Amino acid sequence: YLTEDAEVIVSAYGISGRIAKSAVNMLRAEGIRAGLI
């Protein structure tokens, strides 16, 4: 998720992956190019 231009990657699985995806969206809103694996 959003890994193509990411400067930082968040990686998680299961329920933590769901929490991590919401964090990536918040970071993008701050201007930080985060992605999720």
ModelCIF file with pLDDT and N, C-alpha, C, O atoms, coordinates in Angstrom:
data_MODEL
#
_entry.id   MODEL 
#
_entity.id                         1 
_entity.type                       polymer 
_entity.pdbx_number_of_molecules   1 
#
_entity_poly.entity_id                      1 
_entity_poly.type                           'polypeptide(L)' 
_entity_poly.nstd_linkage                   no 
_entity_poly.nstd_monomer                   no 
_entity_poly.pdbx_seq_one_letter_code       YLTEDAEVIVSAYGISGRIAKSAVNMLRAEGIRAGLI 
_entity_poly.pdbx_seq_one_letter_code_can   YLTEDAEVIVSAYGISGRIAKSAVNMLRAEGIRAGLI 
_entity_poly.pdbx_strand_id                 A 
#
loop_
_entity_poly_seq.entity_id 
_entity_poly_seq.num 
_entity_poly_seq.mon_id 
_entity_poly_seq.hetero 
1 1  TYR n 
1 2  LEU n 
1 3  THR n 
1 4  GLU n 
1 5  ASP n 
1 6  ALA n 
1 7  GLU n 
1 8  VAL n 
1 9  ILE n 
1 10 VAL n 
1 11 SER n 
1 12 ALA n 
1 13 TYR n 
1 14 GLY n 
1 15 ILE n 
1 16 SER n 
1 17 GLY n 
1 18 ARG n 
1 19 ILE n 
1 20 ALA n 
1 21 LYS n 
1 22 SER n 
1 23 ALA n 
1 24 VAL n 
1 25 ASN n 
1 26 MET n 
1 27 LEU n 
1 28 ARG n 
1 29 ALA n 
1 30 GLU n 
1 31 GLY n 
1 32 ILE n 
1 33 ARG n 
1 34 ALA n 
1 35 GLY n 
1 36 LEU n 
1 37 ILE n 
#
_struct_asym.id          A 
_struct_asym.entity_id   1 
#
loop_
_ma_qa_metric.id 
_ma_qa_metric.mode 
_ma_qa_metric.name 
_ma_qa_metric.software_group_id 
_ma_qa_metric.type 
1 global pLDDT . pLDDT 
2 local  pLDDT . pLDDT 
#
_ma_qa_metric_global.metric_id      1 
_ma_qa_metric_global.metric_value   97.35 
_ma_qa_metric_global.model_id       1 
_ma_qa_metric_global.ordinal_id     1 
#
loop_
_ma_qa_metric_local.label_asym_id 
_ma_qa_metric_local.label_comp_id 
_ma_qa_metric_local.label_seq_id 
_ma_qa_metric_local.metric_id 
_ma_qa_metric_local.metric_value 
_ma_qa_metric_local.model_id 
_ma_qa_metric_local.ordinal_id 
A TYR 1  2 98.00 1 1  
A LEU 2  2 98.00 1 2  
A THR 3  2 97.00 1 3  
A GLU 4  2 96.00 1 4  
A ASP 5  2 96.00 1 5  
A ALA 6  2 97.00 1 6  
A GLU 7  2 97.00 1 7  
A VAL 8  2 98.00 1 8  
A ILE 9  2 98.00 1 9  
A VAL 10 2 98.00 1 10 
A SER 11 2 98.00 1 11 
A ALA 12 2 98.00 1 12 
A TYR 13 2 98.00 1 13 
A GLY 14 2 97.00 1 14 
A ILE 15 2 96.00 1 15 
A SER 16 2 97.00 1 16 
A GLY 17 2 97.00 1 17 
A ARG 18 2 96.00 1 18 
A ILE 19 2 97.00 1 19 
A ALA 20 2 98.00 1 20 
A LYS 21 2 98.00 1 21 
A SER 22 2 97.00 1 22 
A ALA 23 2 98.00 1 23 
A VAL 24 2 98.00 1 24 
A ASN 25 2 98.00 1 25 
A MET 26 2 98.00 1 26 
A LEU 27 2 98.00 1 27 
A ARG 28 2 98.00 1 28 
A ALA 29 2 97.00 1 29 
A GLU 30 2 95.00 1 30 
A GLY 31 2 96.00 1 31 
A ILE 32 2 97.00 1 32 
A ARG 33 2 97.00 1 33 
A ALA 34 2 98.00 1 34 
A GLY 35 2 98.00 1 35 
A LEU 36 2 98.00 1 36 
A ILE 37 2 98.00 1 37 
#
loop_
_atom_site.group_PDB 
_atom_site.id 
_atom_site.type_symbol 
_atom_site.label_atom_id 
_atom_site.label_alt_id 
_atom_site.label_comp_id 
_atom_site.label_asym_id 
_atom_site.label_entity_id 
_atom_site.label_seq_id 
_atom_site.pdbx_PDB_ins_code 
_atom_site.Cartn_x 
_atom_site.Cartn_y 
_atom_site.Cartn_z 
_atom_site.occupancy 
_atom_site.B_iso_or_equiv 
_atom_site.pdbx_formal_charge 
_atom_site.auth_seq_id 
_atom_site.auth_comp_id 
_atom_site.auth_asym_id 
_atom_site.auth_atom_id 
_atom_site.pdbx_PDB_model_num 
ATOM 1   N N  . TYR A 1 1  ? 0.842  -1.196 0.000  1.00 98.00 ? 1  TYR A N  1 
ATOM 2   C CA . TYR A 1 1  ? 0.000  0.000  0.000  1.00 98.00 ? 1  TYR A CA 1 
ATOM 3   C C  . TYR A 1 1  ? 0.880  1.251  0.000  1.00 98.00 ? 1  TYR A C  1 
ATOM 4   O O  . TYR A 1 1  ? 1.641  1.485  0.939  1.00 98.00 ? 1  TYR A O  1 
ATOM 5   N N  . LEU A 1 2  ? 0.769  2.043  -1.057 1.00 98.00 ? 2  LEU A N  1 
ATOM 6   C CA . LEU A 1 2  ? 1.493  3.318  -1.196 1.00 98.00 ? 2  LEU A CA 1 
ATOM 7   C C  . LEU A 1 2  ? 3.006  3.139  -1.061 1.00 98.00 ? 2  LEU A C  1 
ATOM 8   O O  . LEU A 1 2  ? 3.688  3.972  -0.463 1.00 98.00 ? 2  LEU A O  1 
ATOM 9   N N  . THR A 1 3  ? 3.516  2.051  -1.618 1.00 97.00 ? 3  THR A N  1 
ATOM 10  C CA . THR A 1 3  ? 4.954  1.785  -1.502 1.00 97.00 ? 3  THR A CA 1 
ATOM 11  C C  . THR A 1 3  ? 5.774  2.373  -2.659 1.00 97.00 ? 3  THR A C  1 
ATOM 12  O O  . THR A 1 3  ? 6.998  2.462  -2.566 1.00 97.00 ? 3  THR A O  1 
ATOM 13  N N  . GLU A 1 4  ? 5.101  2.774  -3.751 1.00 96.00 ? 4  GLU A N  1 
ATOM 14  C CA . GLU A 1 4  ? 5.824  3.181  -4.963 1.00 96.00 ? 4  GLU A CA 1 
ATOM 15  C C  . GLU A 1 4  ? 6.770  4.358  -4.723 1.00 96.00 ? 4  GLU A C  1 
ATOM 16  O O  . GLU A 1 4  ? 7.887  4.373  -5.239 1.00 96.00 ? 4  GLU A O  1 
ATOM 17  N N  . ASP A 1 5  ? 6.326  5.341  -3.945 1.00 96.00 ? 5  ASP A N  1 
ATOM 18  C CA . ASP A 1 5  ? 7.156  6.526  -3.694 1.00 96.00 ? 5  ASP A CA 1 
ATOM 19  C C  . ASP A 1 5  ? 7.537  6.661  -2.223 1.00 96.00 ? 5  ASP A C  1 
ATOM 20  O O  . ASP A 1 5  ? 7.995  7.720  -1.791 1.00 96.00 ? 5  ASP A O  1 
ATOM 21  N N  . ALA A 1 6  ? 7.349  5.596  -1.462 1.00 97.00 ? 6  ALA A N  1 
ATOM 22  C CA . ALA A 1 6  ? 7.524  5.689  -0.005 1.00 97.00 ? 6  ALA A CA 1 
ATOM 23  C C  . ALA A 1 6  ? 8.981  5.940  0.387  1.00 97.00 ? 6  ALA A C  1 
ATOM 24  O O  . ALA A 1 6  ? 9.911  5.395  -0.208 1.00 97.00 ? 6  ALA A O  1 
ATOM 25  N N  . GLU A 1 7  ? 9.147  6.780  1.405  1.00 97.00 ? 7  GLU A N  1 
ATOM 26  C CA . GLU A 1 7  ? 10.458 7.017  2.014  1.00 97.00 ? 7  GLU A CA 1 
ATOM 27  C C  . GLU A 1 7  ? 10.632 6.197  3.287  1.00 97.00 ? 7  GLU A C  1 
ATOM 28  O O  . GLU A 1 7  ? 11.752 5.979  3.750  1.00 97.00 ? 7  GLU A O  1 
ATOM 29  N N  . VAL A 1 8  ? 9.523  5.751  3.841  1.00 98.00 ? 8  VAL A N  1 
ATOM 30  C CA . VAL A 1 8  ? 9.564  4.908  5.028  1.00 98.00 ? 8  VAL A CA 1 
ATOM 31  C C  . VAL A 1 8  ? 8.461  3.863  4.892  1.00 98.00 ? 8  VAL A C  1 
ATOM 32  O O  . VAL A 1 8  ? 7.361  4.159  4.425  1.00 98.00 ? 8  VAL A O  1 
ATOM 33  N N  . ILE A 1 9  ? 8.771  2.652  5.301  1.00 98.00 ? 9  ILE A N  1 
ATOM 34  C CA . ILE A 1 9  ? 7.833  1.540  5.194  1.00 98.00 ? 9  ILE A CA 1 
ATOM 35  C C  . ILE A 1 9  ? 7.412  1.103  6.590  1.00 98.00 ? 9  ILE A C  1 
ATOM 36  O O  . ILE A 1 9  ? 8.243  0.944  7.484  1.00 98.00 ? 9  ILE A O  1 
ATOM 37  N N  . VAL A 1 10 ? 6.112  0.914  6.759  1.00 98.00 ? 10 VAL A N  1 
ATOM 38  C CA . VAL A 1 10 ? 5.594  0.273  7.963  1.00 98.00 ? 10 VAL A CA 1 
ATOM 39  C C  . VAL A 1 10 ? 5.185  -1.141 7.558  1.00 98.00 ? 10 VAL A C  1 
ATOM 40  O O  . VAL A 1 10 ? 4.505  -1.325 6.549  1.00 98.00 ? 10 VAL A O  1 
ATOM 41  N N  . SER A 1 11 ? 5.587  -2.118 8.324  1.00 98.00 ? 11 SER A N  1 
ATOM 42  C CA . SER A 1 11 ? 5.225  -3.496 8.012  1.00 98.00 ? 11 SER A CA 1 
ATOM 43  C C  . SER A 1 11 ? 4.626  -4.162 9.245  1.00 98.00 ? 11 SER A C  1 
ATOM 44  O O  . SER A 1 11 ? 5.160  -4.056 10.348 1.00 98.00 ? 11 SER A O  1 
ATOM 45  N N  . ALA A 1 12 ? 3.513  -4.846 9.037  1.00 98.00 ? 12 ALA A N  1 
ATOM 46  C CA . ALA A 1 12 ? 2.792  -5.505 10.128 1.00 98.00 ? 12 ALA A CA 1 
ATOM 47  C C  . ALA A 1 12 ? 1.870  -6.547 9.517  1.00 98.00 ? 12 ALA A C  1 
ATOM 48  O O  . ALA A 1 12 ? 1.641  -6.550 8.307  1.00 98.00 ? 12 ALA A O  1 
ATOM 49  N N  . TYR A 1 13 ? 1.338  -7.435 10.358 1.00 98.00 ? 13 TYR A N  1 
ATOM 50  C CA . TYR A 1 13 ? 0.404  -8.450 9.874  1.00 98.00 ? 13 TYR A CA 1 
ATOM 51  C C  . TYR A 1 13 ? -0.776 -8.532 10.832 1.00 98.00 ? 13 TYR A C  1 
ATOM 52  O O  . TYR A 1 13 ? -0.723 -8.010 11.946 1.00 98.00 ? 13 TYR A O  1 
ATOM 53  N N  . GLY A 1 14 ? -1.846 -9.196 10.386 1.00 97.00 ? 14 GLY A N  1 
ATOM 54  C CA . GLY A 1 14 ? -3.013 -9.389 11.240 1.00 97.00 ? 14 GLY A CA 1 
ATOM 55  C C  . GLY A 1 14 ? -3.601 -8.069 11.701 1.00 97.00 ? 14 GLY A C  1 
ATOM 56  O O  . GLY A 1 14 ? -3.627 -7.095 10.948 1.00 97.00 ? 14 GLY A O  1 
ATOM 57  N N  . ILE A 1 15 ? -4.072 -8.038 12.940 1.00 96.00 ? 15 ILE A N  1 
ATOM 58  C CA . ILE A 1 15 ? -4.717 -6.832 13.464 1.00 96.00 ? 15 ILE A CA 1 
ATOM 59  C C  . ILE A 1 15 ? -3.744 -5.660 13.508 1.00 96.00 ? 15 ILE A C  1 
ATOM 60  O O  . ILE A 1 15 ? -4.158 -4.514 13.338 1.00 96.00 ? 15 ILE A O  1 
ATOM 61  N N  . SER A 1 16 ? -2.461 -5.924 13.731 1.00 97.00 ? 16 SER A N  1 
ATOM 62  C CA . SER A 1 16 ? -1.476 -4.847 13.723 1.00 97.00 ? 16 SER A CA 1 
ATOM 63  C C  . SER A 1 16 ? -1.347 -4.232 12.336 1.00 97.00 ? 16 SER A C  1 
ATOM 64  O O  . SER A 1 16 ? -1.058 -3.042 12.210 1.00 97.00 ? 16 SER A O  1 
ATOM 65  N N  . GLY A 1 17 ? -1.561 -5.036 11.293 1.00 97.00 ? 17 GLY A N  1 
ATOM 66  C CA . GLY A 1 17 ? -1.539 -4.507 9.938  1.00 97.00 ? 17 GLY A CA 1 
ATOM 67  C C  . GLY A 1 17 ? -2.662 -3.526 9.698  1.00 97.00 ? 17 GLY A C  1 
ATOM 68  O O  . GLY A 1 17 ? -2.503 -2.551 8.963  1.00 97.00 ? 17 GLY A O  1 
ATOM 69  N N  . ARG A 1 18 ? -3.795 -3.782 10.317 1.00 96.00 ? 18 ARG A N  1 
ATOM 70  C CA . ARG A 1 18 ? -4.930 -2.861 10.182 1.00 96.00 ? 18 ARG A CA 1 
ATOM 71  C C  . ARG A 1 18 ? -4.636 -1.534 10.883 1.00 96.00 ? 18 ARG A C  1 
ATOM 72  O O  . ARG A 1 18 ? -4.937 -0.461 10.361 1.00 96.00 ? 18 ARG A O  1 
ATOM 73  N N  . ILE A 1 19 ? -4.049 -1.628 12.062 1.00 97.00 ? 19 ILE A N  1 
ATOM 74  C CA . ILE A 1 19 ? -3.671 -0.426 12.806 1.00 97.00 ? 19 ILE A CA 1 
ATOM 75  C C  . ILE A 1 19 ? -2.603 0.339  12.025 1.00 97.00 ? 19 ILE A C  1 
ATOM 76  O O  . ILE A 1 19 ? -2.648 1.566  11.938 1.00 97.00 ? 19 ILE A O  1 
ATOM 77  N N  . ALA A 1 20 ? -1.642 -0.396 11.457 1.00 98.00 ? 20 ALA A N  1 
ATOM 78  C CA . ALA A 1 20 ? -0.548 0.235  10.718 1.00 98.00 ? 20 ALA A CA 1 
ATOM 79  C C  . ALA A 1 20 ? -1.048 0.961  9.476  1.00 98.00 ? 20 ALA A C  1 
ATOM 80  O O  . ALA A 1 20 ? -0.519 2.017  9.128  1.00 98.00 ? 20 ALA A O  1 
ATOM 81  N N  . LYS A 1 21 ? -2.052 0.418  8.805  1.00 98.00 ? 21 LYS A N  1 
ATOM 82  C CA . LYS A 1 21 ? -2.564 1.072  7.598  1.00 98.00 ? 21 LYS A CA 1 
ATOM 83  C C  . LYS A 1 21 ? -3.181 2.419  7.935  1.00 98.00 ? 21 LYS A C  1 
ATOM 84  O O  . LYS A 1 21 ? -3.008 3.382  7.188  1.00 98.00 ? 21 LYS A O  1 
ATOM 85  N N  . SER A 1 22 ? -3.894 2.499  9.042  1.00 97.00 ? 22 SER A N  1 
ATOM 86  C CA . SER A 1 22 ? -4.463 3.782  9.448  1.00 97.00 ? 22 SER A CA 1 
ATOM 87  C C  . SER A 1 22 ? -3.358 4.770  9.798  1.00 97.00 ? 22 SER A C  1 
ATOM 88  O O  . SER A 1 22 ? -3.496 5.968  9.552  1.00 97.00 ? 22 SER A O  1 
ATOM 89  N N  . ALA A 1 23 ? -2.251 4.270  10.376 1.00 98.00 ? 23 ALA A N  1 
ATOM 90  C CA . ALA A 1 23 ? -1.117 5.142  10.691 1.00 98.00 ? 23 ALA A CA 1 
ATOM 91  C C  . ALA A 1 23 ? -0.483 5.681  9.415  1.00 98.00 ? 23 ALA A C  1 
ATOM 92  O O  . ALA A 1 23 ? -0.104 6.851  9.359  1.00 98.00 ? 23 ALA A O  1 
ATOM 93  N N  . VAL A 1 24 ? -0.365 4.843  8.397  1.00 98.00 ? 24 VAL A N  1 
ATOM 94  C CA . VAL A 1 24 ? 0.203  5.283  7.118  1.00 98.00 ? 24 VAL A CA 1 
ATOM 95  C C  . VAL A 1 24 ? -0.636 6.403  6.525  1.00 98.00 ? 24 VAL A C  1 
ATOM 96  O O  . VAL A 1 24 ? -0.095 7.386  6.018  1.00 98.00 ? 24 VAL A O  1 
ATOM 97  N N  . ASN A 1 25 ? -1.956 6.261  6.585  1.00 98.00 ? 25 ASN A N  1 
ATOM 98  C CA . ASN A 1 25 ? -2.832 7.324  6.062  1.00 98.00 ? 25 ASN A CA 1 
ATOM 99  C C  . ASN A 1 25 ? -2.632 8.629  6.818  1.00 98.00 ? 25 ASN A C  1 
ATOM 100 O O  . ASN A 1 25 ? -2.618 9.697  6.205  1.00 98.00 ? 25 ASN A O  1 
ATOM 101 N N  . MET A 1 26 ? -2.480 8.565  8.120  1.00 98.00 ? 26 MET A N  1 
ATOM 102 C CA . MET A 1 26 ? -2.246 9.773  8.912  1.00 98.00 ? 26 MET A CA 1 
ATOM 103 C C  . MET A 1 26 ? -0.900 10.403 8.582  1.00 98.00 ? 26 MET A C  1 
ATOM 104 O O  . MET A 1 26 ? -0.784 11.626 8.507  1.00 98.00 ? 26 MET A O  1 
ATOM 105 N N  . LEU A 1 27 ? 0.115  9.568  8.386  1.00 98.00 ? 27 LEU A N  1 
ATOM 106 C CA . LEU A 1 27 ? 1.440  10.093 8.041  1.00 98.00 ? 27 LEU A CA 1 
ATOM 107 C C  . LEU A 1 27 ? 1.425  10.770 6.675  1.00 98.00 ? 27 LEU A C  1 
ATOM 108 O O  . LEU A 1 27 ? 2.059  11.808 6.485  1.00 98.00 ? 27 LEU A O  1 
ATOM 109 N N  . ARG A 1 28 ? 0.713  10.192 5.739  1.00 98.00 ? 28 ARG A N  1 
ATOM 110 C CA . ARG A 1 28 ? 0.582  10.817 4.419  1.00 98.00 ? 28 ARG A CA 1 
ATOM 111 C C  . ARG A 1 28 ? -0.069 12.190 4.532  1.00 98.00 ? 28 ARG A C  1 
ATOM 112 O O  . ARG A 1 28 ? 0.310  13.128 3.832  1.00 98.00 ? 28 ARG A O  1 
ATOM 113 N N  . ALA A 1 29 ? -1.052 12.295 5.423  1.00 97.00 ? 29 ALA A N  1 
ATOM 114 C CA . ALA A 1 29 ? -1.716 13.588 5.627  1.00 97.00 ? 29 ALA A CA 1 
ATOM 115 C C  . ALA A 1 29 ? -0.758 14.631 6.201  1.00 97.00 ? 29 ALA A C  1 
ATOM 116 O O  . ALA A 1 29 ? -0.949 15.831 6.005  1.00 97.00 ? 29 ALA A O  1 
ATOM 117 N N  . GLU A 1 30 ? 0.275  14.167 6.913  1.00 95.00 ? 30 GLU A N  1 
ATOM 118 C CA . GLU A 1 30 ? 1.291  15.063 7.459  1.00 95.00 ? 30 GLU A CA 1 
ATOM 119 C C  . GLU A 1 30 ? 2.363  15.421 6.443  1.00 95.00 ? 30 GLU A C  1 
ATOM 120 O O  . GLU A 1 30 ? 3.217  16.267 6.708  1.00 95.00 ? 30 GLU A O  1 
ATOM 121 N N  . GLY A 1 31 ? 2.322  14.779 5.277  1.00 96.00 ? 31 GLY A N  1 
ATOM 122 C CA . GLY A 1 31 ? 3.338  15.018 4.262  1.00 96.00 ? 31 GLY A CA 1 
ATOM 123 C C  . GLY A 1 31 ? 4.483  14.022 4.290  1.00 96.00 ? 31 GLY A C  1 
ATOM 124 O O  . GLY A 1 31 ? 5.444  14.165 3.535  1.00 96.00 ? 31 GLY A O  1 
ATOM 125 N N  . ILE A 1 32 ? 4.396  13.018 5.146  1.00 97.00 ? 32 ILE A N  1 
ATOM 126 C CA . ILE A 1 32 ? 5.434  11.974 5.212  1.00 97.00 ? 32 ILE A CA 1 
ATOM 127 C C  . ILE A 1 32 ? 5.042  10.848 4.259  1.00 97.00 ? 32 ILE A C  1 
ATOM 128 O O  . ILE A 1 32 ? 3.957  10.279 4.378  1.00 97.00 ? 32 ILE A O  1 
ATOM 129 N N  . ARG A 1 33 ? 5.924  10.528 3.318  1.00 97.00 ? 33 ARG A N  1 
ATOM 130 C CA . ARG A 1 33 ? 5.613  9.507  2.324  1.00 97.00 ? 33 ARG A CA 1 
ATOM 131 C C  . ARG A 1 33 ? 5.852  8.116  2.927  1.00 97.00 ? 33 ARG A C  1 
ATOM 132 O O  . ARG A 1 33 ? 6.919  7.519  2.775  1.00 97.00 ? 33 ARG A O  1 
ATOM 133 N N  . ALA A 1 34 ? 4.838  7.638  3.601  1.00 98.00 ? 34 ALA A N  1 
ATOM 134 C CA . ALA A 1 34 ? 4.887  6.318  4.236  1.00 98.00 ? 34 ALA A CA 1 
ATOM 135 C C  . ALA A 1 34 ? 4.151  5.304  3.367  1.00 98.00 ? 34 ALA A C  1 
ATOM 136 O O  . ALA A 1 34 ? 3.212  5.649  2.650  1.00 98.00 ? 34 ALA A O  1 
ATOM 137 N N  . GLY A 1 35 ? 4.586  4.058  3.439  1.00 98.00 ? 35 GLY A N  1 
ATOM 138 C CA . GLY A 1 35 ? 3.918  2.968  2.748  1.00 98.00 ? 35 GLY A CA 1 
ATOM 139 C C  . GLY A 1 35 ? 3.786  1.770  3.672  1.00 98.00 ? 35 GLY A C  1 
ATOM 140 O O  . GLY A 1 35 ? 4.389  1.732  4.744  1.00 98.00 ? 35 GLY A O  1 
ATOM 141 N N  . LEU A 1 36 ? 2.996  0.795  3.254  1.00 98.00 ? 36 LEU A N  1 
ATOM 142 C CA . LEU A 1 36 ? 2.712  -0.382 4.079  1.00 98.00 ? 36 LEU A CA 1 
ATOM 143 C C  . LEU A 1 36 ? 2.986  -1.659 3.310  1.00 98.00 ? 36 LEU A C  1 
ATOM 144 O O  . LEU A 1 36 ? 2.576  -1.800 2.158  1.00 98.00 ? 36 LEU A O  1 
ATOM 145 N N  . ILE A 1 37 ? 3.681  -2.590 3.948  1.00 98.00 ? 37 ILE A N  1 
ATOM 146 C CA . ILE A 1 37 ? 3.767  -3.970 3.461  1.00 98.00 ? 37 ILE A CA 1 
ATOM 147 C C  . ILE A 1 37 ? 3.123  -4.846 4.523  1.00 98.00 ? 37 ILE A C  1 
ATOM 148 O O  . ILE A 1 37 ? 3.062  -6.066 4.364  1.00 98.00 ? 37 ILE A O  1 
#
